PDB file of N, CA and C in Angstrom:
ATOM      1  N   MET A   1     172.940  21.392  -2.348  1.00  0.00           N
ATOM      2  CA  MET A   1     172.610  22.728  -2.816  1.00  0.00           C
ATOM      3  C   MET A   1     171.573  23.339  -1.885  1.00  0.00           C
ATOM      4  N   SER A   2     171.793  24.560  -1.523  1.00  0.00           N
ATOM      5  CA  SER A   2     170.902  25.245  -0.596  1.00  0.00           C
ATOM      6  C   SER A   2     169.706  25.848  -1.329  1.00  0.00           C
ATOM      7  N   ASP A   3     168.570  25.827  -0.673  1.00  0.00           N
ATOM      8  CA  ASP A   3     167.395  26.485  -1.216  1.00  0.00           C
ATOM      9  C   ASP A   3     167.396  27.969  -0.885  1.00  0.00           C
ATOM     10  N   ALA A   4     168.416  28.429  -0.167  1.00  0.00           N
ATOM     11  CA  ALA A   4     168.460  29.819   0.278  1.00  0.00           C
ATOM     12  C   ALA A   4     168.773  30.786  -0.862  1.00  0.00           C
ATOM     13  N   LEU A   5     169.285  30.275  -1.974  1.00  0.00           N
ATOM     14  CA  LEU A   5     169.614  31.162  -3.076  1.00  0.00           C
ATOM     15  C   LEU A   5     168.346  31.791  -3.640  1.00  0.00           C
ATOM     16  N   ASP A   6     168.325  33.105  -3.664  1.00  0.00           N
ATOM     17  CA  ASP A   6     167.117  33.786  -4.124  1.00  0.00           C
ATOM     18  C   ASP A   6     167.463  34.900  -5.104  1.00  0.00           C
ATOM     19  N   ASN A   7     168.278  34.583  -6.090  1.00  0.00           N
ATOM     20  CA  ASN A   7     168.641  35.541  -7.119  1.00  0.00           C
ATOM     21  C   ASN A   7     169.201  36.836  -6.522  1.00  0.00           C
ATOM     22  N   SER A   8     170.319  36.690  -5.876  1.00  0.00           N
ATOM     23  CA  SER A   8     170.976  37.809  -5.224  1.00  0.00           C
ATOM     24  C   SER A   8     172.462  37.754  -5.538  1.00  0.00           C
ATOM     25  N   ILE A   9     173.204  38.653  -4.934  1.00  0.00           N
ATOM     26  CA  ILE A   9     174.667  38.625  -4.962  1.00  0.00           C
ATOM     27  C   ILE A   9     175.106  38.563  -3.507  1.00  0.00           C
ATOM     28  N   TYR A  10     176.094  37.743  -3.231  1.00  0.00           N
ATOM     29  CA  TYR A  10     176.509  37.484  -1.858  1.00  0.00           C
ATOM     30  C   TYR A  10     177.963  37.883  -1.651  1.00  0.00           C
ATOM     31  N   ILE A  11     178.331  38.086  -0.376  1.00  0.00           N
ATOM     32  CA  ILE A  11     179.717  38.406  -0.037  1.00  0.00           C
ATOM     33  C   ILE A  11     180.110  37.600   1.196  1.00  0.00           C
ATOM     34  N   SER A  12     181.285  36.989   1.136  1.00  0.00           N
ATOM     35  CA  SER A  12     181.758  36.176   2.261  1.00  0.00           C
ATOM     36  C   SER A  12     182.250  37.079   3.395  1.00  0.00           C
ATOM     37  N   ASP A  13     182.448  36.483   4.572  1.00  0.00           N
ATOM     38  CA  ASP A  13     182.964  37.226   5.717  1.00  0.00           C
ATOM     39  C   ASP A  13     184.336  37.825   5.409  1.00  0.00           C
ATOM     40  N   LYS A  14     185.225  37.017   4.803  1.00  0.00           N
ATOM     41  CA  LYS A  14     186.582  37.494   4.496  1.00  0.00           C
ATOM     42  C   LYS A  14     186.554  38.659   3.511  1.00  0.00           C
ATOM     43  N   ALA A  15     185.712  38.552   2.487  1.00  0.00           N
ATOM     44  CA  ALA A  15     185.618  39.622   1.490  1.00  0.00           C
ATOM     45  C   ALA A  15     185.040  40.883   2.118  1.00  0.00           C
ATOM     46  N   LYS A  16     184.063  40.727   3.004  1.00  0.00           N
ATOM     47  CA  LYS A  16     183.467  41.890   3.668  1.00  0.00           C
ATOM     48  C   LYS A  16     184.505  42.645   4.482  1.00  0.00           C
ATOM     49  N   VAL A  17     185.301  41.930   5.248  1.00  0.00           N
ATOM     50  CA  VAL A  17     186.343  42.562   6.060  1.00  0.00           C
ATOM     51  C   VAL A  17     187.319  43.334   5.169  1.00  0.00           C
ATOM     52  N   LYS A  18     187.720  42.721   4.042  1.00  0.00           N
ATOM     53  CA  LYS A  18     188.673  43.372   3.131  1.00  0.00           C
ATOM     54  C   LYS A  18     188.055  44.594   2.460  1.00  0.00           C
ATOM     55  N   VAL A  19     186.789  44.489   2.042  1.00  0.00           N
ATOM     56  CA  VAL A  19     186.106  45.632   1.429  1.00  0.00           C
ATOM     57  C   VAL A  19     186.022  46.790   2.422  1.00  0.00           C
ATOM     58  N   GLN A  20     185.644  46.495   3.667  1.00  0.00           N
ATOM     59  CA  GLN A  20     185.556  47.550   4.676  1.00  0.00           C
ATOM     60  C   GLN A  20     186.913  48.195   4.922  1.00  0.00           C
ATOM     61  N   GLN A  21     187.970  47.387   4.940  1.00  0.00           N
ATOM     62  CA  GLN A  21     189.321  47.913   5.123  1.00  0.00           C
ATOM     63  C   GLN A  21     189.691  48.846   3.954  1.00  0.00           C
ATOM     64  N   LEU A  22     189.392  48.413   2.732  1.00  0.00           N
ATOM     65  CA  LEU A  22     189.704  49.224   1.550  1.00  0.00           C
ATOM     66  C   LEU A  22     188.873  50.506   1.510  1.00  0.00           C
ATOM     67  N   MET A  23     187.619  50.434   1.947  1.00  0.00           N
ATOM     68  CA  MET A  23     186.782  51.633   2.005  1.00  0.00           C
ATOM     69  C   MET A  23     187.341  52.622   3.016  1.00  0.00           C
ATOM     70  N   ASN A  24     187.802  52.113   4.146  1.00  0.00           N
ATOM     71  CA  ASN A  24     188.421  52.981   5.149  1.00  0.00           C
ATOM     72  C   ASN A  24     189.701  53.609   4.602  1.00  0.00           C
ATOM     73  N   ASP A  25     190.513  52.804   3.914  1.00  0.00           N
ATOM     74  CA  ASP A  25     191.750  53.314   3.314  1.00  0.00           C
ATOM     75  C   ASP A  25     191.461  54.403   2.282  1.00  0.00           C
ATOM     76  N   ALA A  26     190.334  54.271   1.574  1.00  0.00           N
ATOM     77  CA  ALA A  26     189.958  55.242   0.548  1.00  0.00           C
ATOM     78  C   ALA A  26     189.257  56.468   1.139  1.00  0.00           C
ATOM     79  N   GLY A  27     189.021  56.441   2.444  1.00  0.00           N
ATOM     80  CA  GLY A  27     188.396  57.571   3.114  1.00  0.00           C
ATOM     81  C   GLY A  27     186.887  57.621   2.993  1.00  0.00           C
ATOM     82  N   VAL A  28     186.251  56.529   2.578  1.00  0.00           N
ATOM     83  CA  VAL A  28     184.787  56.522   2.428  1.00  0.00           C
ATOM     84  C   VAL A  28     184.120  55.515   3.365  1.00  0.00           C
ATOM     85  N   GLY A  29     184.884  54.900   4.249  1.00  0.00           N
ATOM     86  CA  GLY A  29     184.350  53.861   5.128  1.00  0.00           C
ATOM     87  C   GLY A  29     183.299  54.353   6.093  1.00  0.00           C
ATOM     88  N   SER A  30     183.371  55.621   6.504  1.00  0.00           N
ATOM     89  CA  SER A  30     182.402  56.136   7.468  1.00  0.00           C
ATOM     90  C   SER A  30     181.235  56.846   6.786  1.00  0.00           C
ATOM     91  N   ASP A  31     181.245  56.895   5.464  1.00  0.00           N
ATOM     92  CA  ASP A  31     180.178  57.539   4.700  1.00  0.00           C
ATOM     93  C   ASP A  31     179.158  56.489   4.266  1.00  0.00           C
ATOM     94  N   ALA A  32     177.989  56.501   4.892  1.00  0.00           N
ATOM     95  CA  ALA A  32     176.977  55.468   4.644  1.00  0.00           C
ATOM     96  C   ALA A  32     176.405  55.518   3.230  1.00  0.00           C
ATOM     97  N   SER A  33     176.677  56.588   2.482  1.00  0.00           N
ATOM     98  CA  SER A  33     176.133  56.672   1.122  1.00  0.00           C
ATOM     99  C   SER A  33     176.943  55.834   0.134  1.00  0.00           C
ATOM    100  N   TYR A  34     178.129  55.366   0.540  1.00  0.00           N
ATOM    101  CA  TYR A  34     178.975  54.566  -0.357  1.00  0.00           C
ATOM    102  C   TYR A  34     178.634  53.085  -0.272  1.00  0.00           C
ATOM    103  N   PHE A  35     178.785  52.413  -1.404  1.00  0.00           N
ATOM    104  CA  PHE A  35     178.515  50.987  -1.497  1.00  0.00           C
ATOM    105  C   PHE A  35     179.513  50.367  -2.464  1.00  0.00           C
ATOM    106  N   LEU A  36     179.484  49.050  -2.549  1.00  0.00           N
ATOM    107  CA  LEU A  36     180.356  48.330  -3.471  1.00  0.00           C
ATOM    108  C   LEU A  36     179.587  48.072  -4.758  1.00  0.00           C
ATOM    109  N   ARG A  37     180.108  48.598  -5.870  1.00  0.00           N
ATOM    110  CA  ARG A  37     179.505  48.352  -7.179  1.00  0.00           C
ATOM    111  C   ARG A  37     180.237  47.182  -7.822  1.00  0.00           C
ATOM    112  N   VAL A  38     179.471  46.165  -8.194  1.00  0.00           N
ATOM    113  CA  VAL A  38     180.004  44.976  -8.843  1.00  0.00           C
ATOM    114  C   VAL A  38     179.478  44.980 -10.269  1.00  0.00           C
ATOM    115  N   SER A  39     180.383  44.844 -11.248  1.00  0.00           N
ATOM    116  CA  SER A  39     179.918  44.839 -12.631  1.00  0.00           C
ATOM    117  C   SER A  39     180.713  43.852 -13.466  1.00  0.00           C
ATOM    118  N   VAL A  40     180.177  43.576 -14.632  1.00  0.00           N
ATOM    119  CA  VAL A  40     180.811  42.690 -15.598  1.00  0.00           C
ATOM    120  C   VAL A  40     181.110  43.528 -16.829  1.00  0.00           C
ATOM    121  N   VAL A  41     182.340  43.458 -17.312  1.00  0.00           N
ATOM    122  CA  VAL A  41     182.751  44.204 -18.498  1.00  0.00           C
ATOM    123  C   VAL A  41     183.370  43.242 -19.502  1.00  0.00           C
ATOM    124  N   GLY A  42     183.343  43.606 -20.760  1.00  0.00           N
ATOM    125  CA  GLY A  42     183.977  42.797 -21.789  1.00  0.00           C
ATOM    126  C   GLY A  42     185.486  42.850 -21.648  1.00  0.00           C
ATOM    127  N   GLY A  43     186.138  41.722 -21.919  1.00  0.00           N
ATOM    128  CA  GLY A  43     187.603  41.674 -21.849  1.00  0.00           C
ATOM    129  C   GLY A  43     188.091  40.472 -21.082  1.00  0.00           C
ATOM    130  N   GLY A  44     189.381  40.388 -20.925  1.00  0.00           N
ATOM    131  CA  GLY A  44     189.972  39.249 -20.240  1.00  0.00           C
ATOM    132  C   GLY A  44     190.133  38.082 -21.196  1.00  0.00           C
ATOM    133  N   CYS A  45     190.862  37.080 -20.780  1.00  0.00           N
ATOM    134  CA  CYS A  45     191.168  35.966 -21.677  1.00  0.00           C
ATOM    135  C   CYS A  45     189.979  35.049 -21.919  1.00  0.00           C
ATOM    136  N   SER A  46     188.911  35.150 -21.124  1.00  0.00           N
ATOM    137  CA  SER A  46     187.725  34.320 -21.353  1.00  0.00           C
ATOM    138  C   SER A  46     186.544  35.112 -21.901  1.00  0.00           C
ATOM    139  N   GLY A  47     186.712  36.404 -22.109  1.00  0.00           N
ATOM    140  CA  GLY A  47     185.657  37.203 -22.737  1.00  0.00           C
ATOM    141  C   GLY A  47     184.958  38.202 -21.841  1.00  0.00           C
ATOM    142  N   LEU A  48     184.792  37.884 -20.556  1.00  0.00           N
ATOM    143  CA  LEU A  48     184.131  38.780 -19.617  1.00  0.00           C
ATOM    144  C   LEU A  48     184.978  38.892 -18.360  1.00  0.00           C
ATOM    145  N   SER A  49     185.028  40.097 -17.786  1.00  0.00           N
ATOM    146  CA  SER A  49     185.799  40.332 -16.564  1.00  0.00           C
ATOM    147  C   SER A  49     184.921  40.989 -15.506  1.00  0.00           C
ATOM    148  N   TYR A  50     185.295  40.767 -14.264  1.00  0.00           N
ATOM    149  CA  TYR A  50     184.610  41.385 -13.139  1.00  0.00           C
ATOM    150  C   TYR A  50     185.251  42.732 -12.836  1.00  0.00           C
ATOM    151  N   LYS A  51     184.446  43.649 -12.336  1.00  0.00           N
ATOM    152  CA  LYS A  51     184.961  44.963 -11.949  1.00  0.00           C
ATOM    153  C   LYS A  51     184.333  45.345 -10.616  1.00  0.00           C
ATOM    154  N   LEU A  52     185.147  45.848  -9.695  1.00  0.00           N
ATOM    155  CA  LEU A  52     184.689  46.300  -8.383  1.00  0.00           C
ATOM    156  C   LEU A  52     185.057  47.770  -8.213  1.00  0.00           C
ATOM    157  N   ASP A  53     184.119  48.562  -7.712  1.00  0.00           N
ATOM    158  CA  ASP A  53     184.348  49.985  -7.455  1.00  0.00           C
ATOM    159  C   ASP A  53     183.570  50.397  -6.218  1.00  0.00           C
ATOM    160  N   PHE A  54     184.020  51.490  -5.583  1.00  0.00           N
ATOM    161  CA  PHE A  54     183.218  52.137  -4.561  1.00  0.00           C
ATOM    162  C   PHE A  54     182.439  53.237  -5.263  1.00  0.00           C
ATOM    163  N   ASP A  55     181.178  53.365  -4.930  1.00  0.00           N
ATOM    164  CA  ASP A  55     180.320  54.330  -5.603  1.00  0.00           C
ATOM    165  C   ASP A  55     179.327  54.878  -4.590  1.00  0.00           C
ATOM    166  N   ASN A  56     178.767  56.036  -4.868  1.00  0.00           N
ATOM    167  CA  ASN A  56     177.724  56.582  -4.004  1.00  0.00           C
ATOM    168  C   ASN A  56     176.556  57.133  -4.818  1.00  0.00           C
ATOM    169  N   GLU A  57     176.486  56.752  -6.098  1.00  0.00           N
ATOM    170  CA  GLU A  57     175.386  57.190  -6.951  1.00  0.00           C
ATOM    171  C   GLU A  57     174.698  55.989  -7.583  1.00  0.00           C
ATOM    172  N   GLN A  58     173.455  55.771  -7.171  1.00  0.00           N
ATOM    173  CA  GLN A  58     172.670  54.699  -7.772  1.00  0.00           C
ATOM    174  C   GLN A  58     172.053  55.184  -9.071  1.00  0.00           C
ATOM    175  N   LYS A  59     172.023  54.309 -10.055  1.00  0.00           N
ATOM    176  CA  LYS A  59     171.417  54.626 -11.338  1.00  0.00           C
ATOM    177  C   LYS A  59     170.019  53.995 -11.392  1.00  0.00           C
ATOM    178  N   PRO A  60     169.125  54.502 -12.261  1.00  0.00           N
ATOM    179  CA  PRO A  60     167.730  54.033 -12.268  1.00  0.00           C
ATOM    180  C   PRO A  60     167.558  52.520 -12.430  1.00  0.00           C
ATOM    181  N   MET A  61     168.386  51.861 -13.211  1.00  0.00           N
ATOM    182  CA  MET A  61     168.207  50.422 -13.447  1.00  0.00           C
ATOM    183  C   MET A  61     169.092  49.540 -12.560  1.00  0.00           C
ATOM    184  N   ASP A  62     169.739  50.127 -11.558  1.00  0.00           N
ATOM    185  CA  ASP A  62     170.598  49.353 -10.664  1.00  0.00           C
ATOM    186  C   ASP A  62     169.796  48.349  -9.851  1.00  0.00           C
ATOM    187  N   GLN A  63     170.434  47.216  -9.611  1.00  0.00           N
ATOM    188  CA  GLN A  63     169.892  46.190  -8.732  1.00  0.00           C
ATOM    189  C   GLN A  63     170.647  46.319  -7.407  1.00  0.00           C
ATOM    190  N   VAL A  64     169.922  46.414  -6.304  1.00  0.00           N
ATOM    191  CA  VAL A  64     170.525  46.669  -5.001  1.00  0.00           C
ATOM    192  C   VAL A  64     170.305  45.467  -4.095  1.00  0.00           C
ATOM    193  N   PHE A  65     171.400  45.023  -3.457  1.00  0.00           N
ATOM    194  CA  PHE A  65     171.347  43.875  -2.557  1.00  0.00           C
ATOM    195  C   PHE A  65     172.075  44.223  -1.275  1.00  0.00           C
ATOM    196  N   GLU A  66     171.723  43.540  -0.214  1.00  0.00           N
ATOM    197  CA  GLU A  66     172.490  43.652   1.017  1.00  0.00           C
ATOM    198  C   GLU A  66     172.754  42.247   1.513  1.00  0.00           C
ATOM    199  N   ASP A  67     174.021  41.955   1.742  1.00  0.00           N
ATOM    200  CA  ASP A  67     174.395  40.656   2.273  1.00  0.00           C
ATOM    201  C   ASP A  67     175.500  40.860   3.292  1.00  0.00           C
ATOM    202  N   ASN A  68     175.403  40.176   4.390  1.00  0.00           N
ATOM    203  CA  ASN A  68     176.450  40.210   5.404  1.00  0.00           C
ATOM    204  C   ASN A  68     176.693  41.648   5.884  1.00  0.00           C
ATOM    205  N   GLY A  69     175.641  42.477   5.863  1.00  0.00           N
ATOM    206  CA  GLY A  69     175.748  43.843   6.350  1.00  0.00           C
ATOM    207  C   GLY A  69     176.391  44.812   5.378  1.00  0.00           C
ATOM    208  N   LEU A  70     176.588  44.405   4.135  1.00  0.00           N
ATOM    209  CA  LEU A  70     177.233  45.271   3.142  1.00  0.00           C
ATOM    210  C   LEU A  70     176.298  45.484   1.963  1.00  0.00           C
ATOM    211  N   LYS A  71     176.207  46.724   1.489  1.00  0.00           N
ATOM    212  CA  LYS A  71     175.361  47.048   0.342  1.00  0.00           C
ATOM    213  C   LYS A  71     176.135  46.786  -0.947  1.00  0.00           C
ATOM    214  N   LEU A  72     175.546  45.950  -1.818  1.00  0.00           N
ATOM    215  CA  LEU A  72     176.135  45.591  -3.104  1.00  0.00           C
ATOM    216  C   LEU A  72     175.184  46.060  -4.198  1.00  0.00           C
ATOM    217  N   VAL A  73     175.724  46.731  -5.213  1.00  0.00           N
ATOM    218  CA  VAL A  73     174.907  47.269  -6.286  1.00  0.00           C
ATOM    219  C   VAL A  73     175.492  46.836  -7.624  1.00  0.00           C
ATOM    220  N   THR A  74     174.622  46.492  -8.556  1.00  0.00           N
ATOM    221  CA  THR A  74     175.066  46.132  -9.896  1.00  0.00           C
ATOM    222  C   THR A  74     174.055  46.658 -10.911  1.00  0.00           C
ATOM    223  N   ASP A  75     174.522  46.898 -12.123  1.00  0.00           N
ATOM    224  CA  ASP A  75     173.595  47.296 -13.172  1.00  0.00           C
ATOM    225  C   ASP A  75     172.837  46.053 -13.648  1.00  0.00           C
ATOM    226  N   LEU A  76     171.715  46.275 -14.298  1.00  0.00           N
ATOM    227  CA  LEU A  76     170.846  45.170 -14.697  1.00  0.00           C
ATOM    228  C   LEU A  76     171.543  44.202 -15.650  1.00  0.00           C
ATOM    229  N   LYS A  77     172.300  44.720 -16.603  1.00  0.00           N
ATOM    230  CA  LYS A  77     172.998  43.854 -17.566  1.00  0.00           C
ATOM    231  C   LYS A  77     174.013  42.950 -16.857  1.00  0.00           C
ATOM    232  N   SER A  78     174.786  43.516 -15.951  1.00  0.00           N
ATOM    233  CA  SER A  78     175.769  42.726 -15.210  1.00  0.00           C
ATOM    234  C   SER A  78     175.093  41.690 -14.324  1.00  0.00           C
ATOM    235  N   PHE A  79     173.946  42.051 -13.748  1.00  0.00           N
ATOM    236  CA  PHE A  79     173.264  41.137 -12.845  1.00  0.00           C
ATOM    237  C   PHE A  79     172.882  39.832 -13.536  1.00  0.00           C
ATOM    238  N   LEU A  80     172.582  39.902 -14.827  1.00  0.00           N
ATOM    239  CA  LEU A  80     172.237  38.682 -15.567  1.00  0.00           C
ATOM    240  C   LEU A  80     173.380  37.669 -15.520  1.00  0.00           C
ATOM    241  N   TYR A  81     174.621  38.139 -15.434  1.00  0.00           N
ATOM    242  CA  TYR A  81     175.795  37.269 -15.325  1.00  0.00           C
ATOM    243  C   TYR A  81     176.143  36.932 -13.878  1.00  0.00           C
ATOM    244  N   LEU A  82     175.638  37.728 -12.932  1.00  0.00           N
ATOM    245  CA  LEU A  82     176.064  37.619 -11.535  1.00  0.00           C
ATOM    246  C   LEU A  82     175.042  36.983 -10.594  1.00  0.00           C
ATOM    247  N   VAL A  83     173.908  36.527 -11.112  1.00  0.00           N
ATOM    248  CA  VAL A  83     172.875  35.940 -10.258  1.00  0.00           C
ATOM    249  C   VAL A  83     173.475  34.826  -9.395  1.00  0.00           C
ATOM    250  N   ASN A  84     173.279  34.946  -8.085  1.00  0.00           N
ATOM    251  CA  ASN A  84     173.734  33.957  -7.093  1.00  0.00           C
ATOM    252  C   ASN A  84     175.246  33.783  -7.030  1.00  0.00           C
ATOM    253  N   THR A  85     175.980  34.808  -7.425  1.00  0.00           N
ATOM    254  CA  THR A  85     177.437  34.801  -7.332  1.00  0.00           C
ATOM    255  C   THR A  85     177.858  35.273  -5.943  1.00  0.00           C
ATOM    256  N   THR A  86     178.930  34.685  -5.429  1.00  0.00           N
ATOM    257  CA  THR A  86     179.487  35.100  -4.136  1.00  0.00           C
ATOM    258  C   THR A  86     180.858  35.712  -4.354  1.00  0.00           C
ATOM    259  N   LEU A  87     181.044  36.913  -3.821  1.00  0.00           N
ATOM    260  CA  LEU A  87     182.353  37.560  -3.818  1.00  0.00           C
ATOM    261  C   LEU A  87     183.109  37.052  -2.598  1.00  0.00           C
ATOM    262  N   ASP A  88     184.323  36.561  -2.826  1.00  0.00           N
ATOM    263  CA  ASP A  88     185.131  36.031  -1.740  1.00  0.00           C
ATOM    264  C   ASP A  88     186.515  36.658  -1.793  1.00  0.00           C
ATOM    265  N   PHE A  89     187.312  36.419  -0.778  1.00  0.00           N
ATOM    266  CA  PHE A  89     188.671  36.956  -0.724  1.00  0.00           C
ATOM    267  C   PHE A  89     189.605  35.878  -0.216  1.00  0.00           C
ATOM    268  N   SER A  90     190.744  35.754  -0.869  1.00  0.00           N
ATOM    269  CA  SER A  90     191.753  34.784  -0.453  1.00  0.00           C
ATOM    270  C   SER A  90     193.049  35.505  -0.146  1.00  0.00           C
ATOM    271  N   ASP A  91     193.667  35.120   0.950  1.00  0.00           N
ATOM    272  CA  ASP A  91     194.990  35.671   1.257  1.00  0.00           C
ATOM    273  C   ASP A  91     195.999  34.538   1.411  1.00  0.00           C
ATOM    274  N   GLY A  92     195.703  33.437   0.761  1.00  0.00           N
ATOM    275  CA  GLY A  92     196.556  32.253   0.849  1.00  0.00           C
ATOM    276  C   GLY A  92     197.747  32.307  -0.088  1.00  0.00           C
ATOM    277  N   LEU A  93     198.567  31.276  -0.037  1.00  0.00           N
ATOM    278  CA  LEU A  93     199.780  31.204  -0.841  1.00  0.00           C
ATOM    279  C   LEU A  93     199.485  31.039  -2.336  1.00  0.00           C
ATOM    280  N   ASN A  94     198.342  30.456  -2.662  1.00  0.00           N
ATOM    281  CA  ASN A  94     198.013  30.219  -4.066  1.00  0.00           C
ATOM    282  C   ASN A  94     197.451  31.438  -4.771  1.00  0.00           C
ATOM    283  N   GLY A  95     197.400  32.530  -4.106  1.00  0.00           N
ATOM    284  CA  GLY A  95     196.882  33.741  -4.727  1.00  0.00           C
ATOM    285  C   GLY A  95     196.191  34.607  -3.713  1.00  0.00           C
ATOM    286  N   LYS A  96     196.376  35.906  -3.873  1.00  0.00           N
ATOM    287  CA  LYS A  96     195.804  36.849  -2.943  1.00  0.00           C
ATOM    288  C   LYS A  96     194.881  37.769  -3.714  1.00  0.00           C
ATOM    289  N   GLY A  97     193.686  37.980  -3.191  1.00  0.00           N
ATOM    290  CA  GLY A  97     192.787  38.920  -3.812  1.00  0.00           C
ATOM    291  C   GLY A  97     191.351  38.444  -3.820  1.00  0.00           C
ATOM    292  N   PHE A  98     190.522  39.267  -4.431  1.00  0.00           N
ATOM    293  CA  PHE A  98     189.105  38.942  -4.552  1.00  0.00           C
ATOM    294  C   PHE A  98     188.904  37.938  -5.670  1.00  0.00           C
ATOM    295  N   TYR A  99     187.941  37.055  -5.477  1.00  0.00           N
ATOM    296  CA  TYR A  99     187.553  36.156  -6.551  1.00  0.00           C
ATOM    297  C   TYR A  99     186.056  35.913  -6.443  1.00  0.00           C
ATOM    298  N   PHE A 100     185.474  35.454  -7.522  1.00  0.00           N
ATOM    299  CA  PHE A 100     184.039  35.265  -7.612  1.00  0.00           C
ATOM    300  C   PHE A 100     183.711  33.797  -7.767  1.00  0.00           C
ATOM    301  N   SER A 101     182.787  33.335  -6.955  1.00  0.00           N
ATOM    302  CA  SER A 101     182.254  31.989  -7.103  1.00  0.00           C
ATOM    303  C   SER A 101     180.937  32.155  -7.866  1.00  0.00           C
ATOM    304  N   ASN A 102     181.019  31.963  -9.197  1.00  0.00           N
ATOM    305  CA  ASN A 102     179.904  32.274 -10.079  1.00  0.00           C
ATOM    306  C   ASN A 102     179.326  30.989 -10.683  1.00  0.00           C
ATOM    307  N   PRO A 103     178.112  30.616 -10.272  1.00  0.00           N
ATOM    308  CA  PRO A 103     177.498  29.387 -10.807  1.00  0.00           C
ATOM    309  C   PRO A 103     177.095  29.513 -12.273  1.00  0.00           C
ATOM    310  N   ASN A 104     177.115  30.719 -12.819  1.00  0.00           N
ATOM    311  CA  ASN A 104     176.706  30.954 -14.205  1.00  0.00           C
ATOM    312  C   ASN A 104     177.856  30.813 -15.192  1.00  0.00           C
ATOM    313  N   ALA A 105     179.086  30.791 -14.700  1.00  0.00           N
ATOM    314  CA  ALA A 105     180.248  30.738 -15.584  1.00  0.00           C
ATOM    315  C   ALA A 105     180.448  29.320 -16.120  1.00  0.00           C
ATOM    316  N   SER A 106     180.530  29.197 -17.430  1.00  0.00           N
ATOM    317  CA  SER A 106     180.768  27.879 -18.032  1.00  0.00           C
ATOM    318  C   SER A 106     182.253  27.553 -18.026  1.00  0.00           C
ATOM    319  N   ARG A 107     183.086  28.589 -18.055  1.00  0.00           N
ATOM    320  CA  ARG A 107     184.531  28.379 -17.911  1.00  0.00           C
ATOM    321  C   ARG A 107     185.162  29.654 -17.382  1.00  0.00           C
ATOM    322  N   THR A 108     186.273  29.483 -16.698  1.00  0.00           N
ATOM    323  CA  THR A 108     187.026  30.616 -16.176  1.00  0.00           C
ATOM    324  C   THR A 108     188.460  30.494 -16.637  1.00  0.00           C
ATOM    325  N   CYS A 109     189.181  31.594 -16.564  1.00  0.00           N
ATOM    326  CA  CYS A 109     190.583  31.551 -16.973  1.00  0.00           C
ATOM    327  C   CYS A 109     191.448  31.129 -15.791  1.00  0.00           C
ATOM    328  N   GLY A 110     192.697  30.885 -16.038  1.00  0.00           N
ATOM    329  CA  GLY A 110     193.620  30.440 -14.999  1.00  0.00           C
ATOM    330  C   GLY A 110     193.814  31.473 -13.904  1.00  0.00           C
ATOM    331  N   CYS A 111     193.740  32.755 -14.241  1.00  0.00           N
ATOM    332  CA  CYS A 111     193.960  33.793 -13.247  1.00  0.00           C
ATOM    333  C   CYS A 111     192.703  34.070 -12.434  1.00  0.00           C
ATOM    334  N   GLY A 112     191.543  33.570 -12.878  1.00  0.00           N
ATOM    335  CA  GLY A 112     190.304  33.745 -12.140  1.00  0.00           C
ATOM    336  C   GLY A 112     189.680  35.114 -12.284  1.00  0.00           C
ATOM    337  N   GLU A 113     190.210  35.938 -13.180  1.00  0.00           N
ATOM    338  CA  GLU A 113     189.686  37.299 -13.322  1.00  0.00           C
ATOM    339  C   GLU A 113     188.731  37.457 -14.488  1.00  0.00           C
ATOM    340  N   SER A 114     188.584  36.406 -15.299  1.00  0.00           N
ATOM    341  CA  SER A 114     187.617  36.506 -16.384  1.00  0.00           C
ATOM    342  C   SER A 114     186.891  35.170 -16.527  1.00  0.00           C
ATOM    343  N   PHE A 115     185.769  35.220 -17.257  1.00  0.00           N
ATOM    344  CA  PHE A 115     184.942  34.027 -17.373  1.00  0.00           C
ATOM    345  C   PHE A 115     184.137  34.082 -18.656  1.00  0.00           C
ATOM    346  N   ALA A 116     183.476  32.997 -18.974  1.00  0.00           N
ATOM    347  CA  ALA A 116     182.565  32.913 -20.116  1.00  0.00           C
ATOM    348  C   ALA A 116     181.295  32.216 -19.651  1.00  0.00           C
ATOM    349  N   VAL A 117     180.195  32.503 -20.337  1.00  0.00           N
ATOM    350  CA  VAL A 117     178.918  31.859 -20.005  1.00  0.00           C
ATOM    351  C   VAL A 117     178.426  31.065 -21.190  1.00  0.00           C
TER     352      VAL A 117
END
């Protein structure tokens, strides 16, 4: 276990490349005011689901992080579930898409899109 974890949110190289590609596709890639909003919402087969959006408006209680050259923002409530979580991306045969490596999750569902604590 690394001592480098300092209560943040992280993004892998593969996920960063995919996020930048999607931001460019959405026409906001060259606008420095946009960032990736990561949040946790109720739902999914395990009770909580992850949500990703592009946003350009920070709210007063937002937690702001920068990892791997990308700005990541989450609301305070979601951050309690996301401490030291890494956003990753897989394009392999076993599944394509974003997934979260969350040390706080006590269980996850088979699809990897929801979790419980």
